[in-house]
Amino acid sequence: MITIKKTLGFFILLILSGCIDPKPQLLINGYHLSSTNASNTYVTKGYEVIIHSDVLHVEVVEHFIIGKRQLPEHPDHNELDVAEGYFIIDTKNGEVSLGVDKSTILKSTNGKYKIDW
């Protein structure tokens, strides 16, 4: 027999199951691909946001993190002037390049990586 307590408990469990924070995915050298409950994805290192949302694509090539970002529909930060487009993170020295083009990525990786996305 279904009781009010069981029904209420089921709905509370259902609500709470949607409130779990997504676990960050390790990329390389302490950098993570993280996301918010609003489904905005960004790159972090420790407690610092390195690339603001919304990161659409990311790949690790040697010691570089290469990706593409665009302004999210529902921003989770106030820095809307941050460049969209491709980005490169050199994880050896922490240098971040935003709004770069495909030829810059090819040059940064000494011709070893060509973007096809």
Protein backbone atom coordinates (compact mmCIF):
# COMPACT_ATOMS: atom_id res chain seq x y z
CA MET A 1 0.00 0.00 0.00
CA ILE A 2 1.37 3.39 -0.98
CA THR A 3 1.29 5.85 1.86
CA ILE A 4 1.73 9.60 1.95
CA LYS A 5 5.11 9.14 3.68
CA LYS A 6 6.39 6.86 0.91
CA THR A 7 5.15 9.20 -1.80
CA LEU A 8 6.64 12.24 -0.08
CA GLY A 9 9.92 10.39 0.47
CA PHE A 10 10.06 9.42 -3.20
CA PHE A 11 9.59 13.02 -4.34
CA ILE A 12 12.20 14.35 -1.89
CA LEU A 13 14.69 11.75 -3.15
CA LEU A 14 13.86 12.67 -6.75
CA ILE A 15 14.43 16.38 -6.07
CA LEU A 16 17.70 15.81 -4.19
CA SER A 17 19.09 13.53 -6.89
CA GLY A 18 19.05 16.47 -9.30
CA CYS A 19 21.04 18.66 -6.89
CA ILE A 20 24.30 16.74 -6.95
CA ASP A 21 27.24 18.80 -8.18
CA PRO A 22 28.95 17.34 -11.25
CA LYS A 23 32.43 15.97 -10.58
CA PRO A 24 35.28 17.82 -12.38
CA GLN A 25 37.17 15.79 -15.01
CA LEU A 26 40.98 15.90 -14.77
CA LEU A 27 42.61 17.14 -17.97
CA ILE A 28 46.37 17.48 -17.23
CA ASN A 29 48.72 19.04 -14.64
CA GLY A 30 45.96 19.97 -12.18
CA TYR A 31 43.61 21.50 -14.76
CA HIS A 32 40.02 20.25 -14.74
CA LEU A 33 36.98 20.45 -16.96
CA SER A 34 34.21 21.50 -14.58
CA SER A 35 30.55 22.38 -14.89
CA THR A 36 27.80 24.06 -12.92
CA ASN A 37 24.28 22.94 -12.24
CA ALA A 38 23.29 25.33 -15.04
CA SER A 39 25.28 23.04 -17.37
CA ASN A 40 27.88 25.70 -18.12
CA THR A 41 31.29 24.11 -18.65
CA TYR A 42 34.63 25.77 -17.87
CA VAL A 43 38.32 24.99 -17.20
CA THR A 44 39.64 25.34 -13.64
CA LYS A 45 42.89 24.88 -11.74
CA GLY A 46 42.43 24.57 -8.01
CA TYR A 47 39.75 27.08 -7.05
CA GLU A 48 40.51 29.41 -9.97
CA VAL A 49 38.49 29.57 -13.19
CA ILE A 50 40.97 29.66 -16.06
CA ILE A 51 38.53 29.59 -19.02
CA HIS A 52 35.01 30.84 -18.32
CA SER A 53 31.95 29.10 -19.66
CA ASP A 54 30.81 27.87 -21.96
CA VAL A 55 33.58 25.51 -23.11
CA LEU A 56 32.23 23.56 -26.08
CA HIS A 57 35.22 21.35 -26.87
CA VAL A 58 38.54 20.58 -25.19
CA GLU A 59 41.49 18.32 -26.01
CA VAL A 60 44.86 17.67 -24.39
CA VAL A 61 47.79 17.74 -26.81
CA GLU A 62 51.13 17.10 -25.10
CA HIS A 63 51.27 19.80 -22.38
CA PHE A 64 48.65 22.02 -24.04
CA ILE A 65 44.93 22.22 -23.40
CA ILE A 66 43.23 23.31 -26.60
CA GLY A 67 39.56 24.14 -26.80
CA LYS A 68 36.74 26.31 -28.00
CA ARG A 69 34.35 28.46 -25.99
CA GLN A 70 31.35 30.65 -26.59
CA LEU A 71 29.31 32.94 -24.38
CA PRO A 72 26.68 30.86 -22.60
CA GLU A 73 22.96 31.45 -22.90
CA HIS A 74 22.78 31.71 -19.09
CA PRO A 75 26.16 33.11 -17.92
CA ASP A 76 27.49 32.09 -14.51
CA HIS A 77 29.98 34.98 -14.35
CA ASN A 78 30.11 38.71 -15.04
CA GLU A 79 33.09 38.72 -17.40
CA LEU A 80 31.15 38.78 -20.66
CA ASP A 81 33.97 40.59 -22.47
CA VAL A 82 36.19 37.49 -22.34
CA ALA A 83 37.05 36.38 -25.89
CA GLU A 84 35.06 33.67 -27.57
CA GLY A 85 36.56 31.17 -29.98
CA TYR A 86 39.58 28.92 -29.66
CA PHE A 87 41.89 28.97 -26.64
CA ILE A 88 45.23 27.44 -25.69
CA ILE A 89 46.57 26.78 -22.19
CA ASP A 90 50.27 25.98 -21.88
CA THR A 91 50.22 23.90 -18.70
CA LYS A 92 54.01 24.11 -18.28
CA ASN A 93 54.04 27.87 -17.70
CA GLY A 94 50.33 28.65 -17.17
CA GLU A 95 50.10 30.94 -20.20
CA VAL A 96 46.53 31.32 -21.51
CA SER A 97 45.70 32.57 -25.00
CA LEU A 98 42.06 33.43 -25.71
CA GLY A 99 40.33 34.13 -29.00
CA VAL A 100 43.07 32.57 -31.11
CA ASP A 101 42.63 31.20 -34.62
CA LYS A 102 43.42 27.73 -35.94
CA SER A 103 46.77 28.79 -37.42
CA THR A 104 47.94 30.01 -34.00
CA ILE A 105 47.17 26.60 -32.52
CA LEU A 106 49.06 24.88 -35.33
CA LYS A 107 52.05 27.17 -34.71
CA SER A 108 51.93 26.70 -30.90
CA THR A 109 52.07 22.93 -31.29
CA ASN A 110 54.93 23.12 -33.83
CA GLY A 111 52.63 21.86 -36.58
CA LYS A 112 51.73 18.69 -34.68
CA TYR A 113 48.06 19.47 -34.14
CA LYS A 114 45.54 20.66 -36.68
CA ILE A 115 42.00 21.47 -35.54
CA ASP A 116 39.25 19.74 -37.48
CA TRP A 117 36.38 20.86 -35.25
